[in-house]
């Protein structure tokens, strides 16, 4: 049975504007008009960048979800790393 895709999310209002996610992958992450991060395009880059952003986020507001591409290299290991942030 294939696991259902769970999209990444950010608790945008809790964002501290640390720039970690934006600097890591501006194709996935962006700032809104209040300079709070949000997911611009969950498929804008590799899942590993979403997981890395969650790990680097000083406010701990990024929830990586699951990989949209289950065949991405290292997806199983990345899912394990992401568990504590979901």
Protein backbone atom coordinates (compact mmCIF):
# COMPACT_ATOMS: atom_id res chain seq x y z
CA UNK A 1 0.00 0.00 0.00
CA UNK A 2 1.33 3.42 -0.99
CA UNK A 3 1.48 6.06 1.71
CA UNK A 4 -0.74 9.06 1.08
CA UNK A 5 1.10 12.31 0.34
CA UNK A 6 1.03 14.85 3.16
CA UNK A 7 1.92 18.36 1.99
CA UNK A 8 4.48 20.38 3.96
CA UNK A 9 3.24 23.31 6.02
CA UNK A 10 4.50 26.26 8.02
CA UNK A 11 2.96 27.88 11.09
CA UNK A 12 3.40 31.16 9.22
CA UNK A 13 2.29 33.47 12.03
CA UNK A 14 4.97 31.98 14.30
CA UNK A 15 7.80 32.58 11.77
CA UNK A 16 10.71 34.63 13.16
CA UNK A 17 12.03 35.65 9.72
CA UNK A 18 15.38 33.92 10.29
CA UNK A 19 15.92 33.47 6.50
CA UNK A 20 17.04 29.84 6.86
CA UNK A 21 14.32 28.35 4.64
CA UNK A 22 14.37 31.19 2.09
CA UNK A 23 18.14 30.98 1.74
CA UNK A 24 18.01 27.21 1.46
CA UNK A 25 15.43 27.05 -1.34
CA UNK A 26 13.58 30.16 -2.57
CA UNK A 27 11.71 28.01 -5.09
CA UNK A 28 9.90 26.24 -2.23
CA UNK A 29 9.74 28.98 0.42
CA UNK A 30 8.79 32.65 0.24
CA UNK A 31 7.80 35.51 2.51
CA UNK A 32 4.33 37.01 2.61
CA UNK A 33 3.64 40.75 2.90
CA UNK A 34 4.34 40.55 6.67
CA UNK A 35 7.75 38.90 6.01
CA UNK A 36 6.54 35.60 7.41
CA UNK A 37 7.52 32.40 5.58
CA UNK A 38 5.08 30.20 3.73
CA UNK A 39 5.29 27.28 1.30
CA UNK A 40 5.30 28.86 -2.15
CA UNK A 41 5.62 25.59 -4.08
CA UNK A 42 6.01 22.26 -2.26
CA UNK A 43 7.23 20.72 -5.53
CA UNK A 44 9.63 23.59 -6.28
CA UNK A 45 12.63 21.60 -5.10
CA UNK A 46 13.62 18.32 -3.53
CA UNK A 47 12.01 17.05 -0.34
CA UNK A 48 15.46 17.00 1.24
CA UNK A 49 15.43 20.82 1.17
CA UNK A 50 12.14 20.92 3.07
CA UNK A 51 13.55 18.56 5.70
CA UNK A 52 16.77 20.57 5.94
CA UNK A 53 14.77 23.76 6.35
CA UNK A 54 12.75 22.20 9.18
CA UNK A 55 15.99 21.15 10.88
CA UNK A 56 17.48 24.64 10.56
CA UNK A 57 14.36 26.62 11.45
CA UNK A 58 15.04 28.46 14.71
CA UNK A 59 11.31 28.81 15.46
CA UNK A 60 10.57 25.12 14.67
CA UNK A 61 7.51 26.03 12.60
CA UNK A 62 8.19 24.00 9.44
CA UNK A 63 6.40 20.66 9.11
CA UNK A 64 7.90 18.70 6.18
CA UNK A 65 5.00 16.33 5.60
CA UNK A 66 6.00 13.47 3.27
CA UNK A 67 7.84 13.47 -0.07
CA UNK A 68 5.66 14.27 -3.06
CA UNK A 69 8.00 12.02 -5.03
CA UNK A 70 8.34 8.77 -3.04
CA UNK A 71 11.15 7.73 -5.40
CA UNK A 72 13.35 10.69 -4.45
CA UNK A 73 16.83 9.53 -3.50
CA UNK A 74 16.98 8.84 0.23
CA UNK A 75 13.24 9.41 0.74
CA UNK A 76 12.93 6.82 3.53
CA UNK A 77 15.79 8.32 5.54
CA UNK A 78 14.42 11.82 4.96
CA UNK A 79 10.97 10.76 6.23
CA UNK A 80 12.58 9.48 9.42
CA UNK A 81 14.44 12.79 9.90
CA UNK A 82 11.19 14.68 9.27
CA UNK A 83 9.10 12.73 11.81
CA UNK A 84 9.99 14.92 14.79
CA UNK A 85 8.86 18.06 12.93
CA UNK A 86 5.49 16.79 11.65
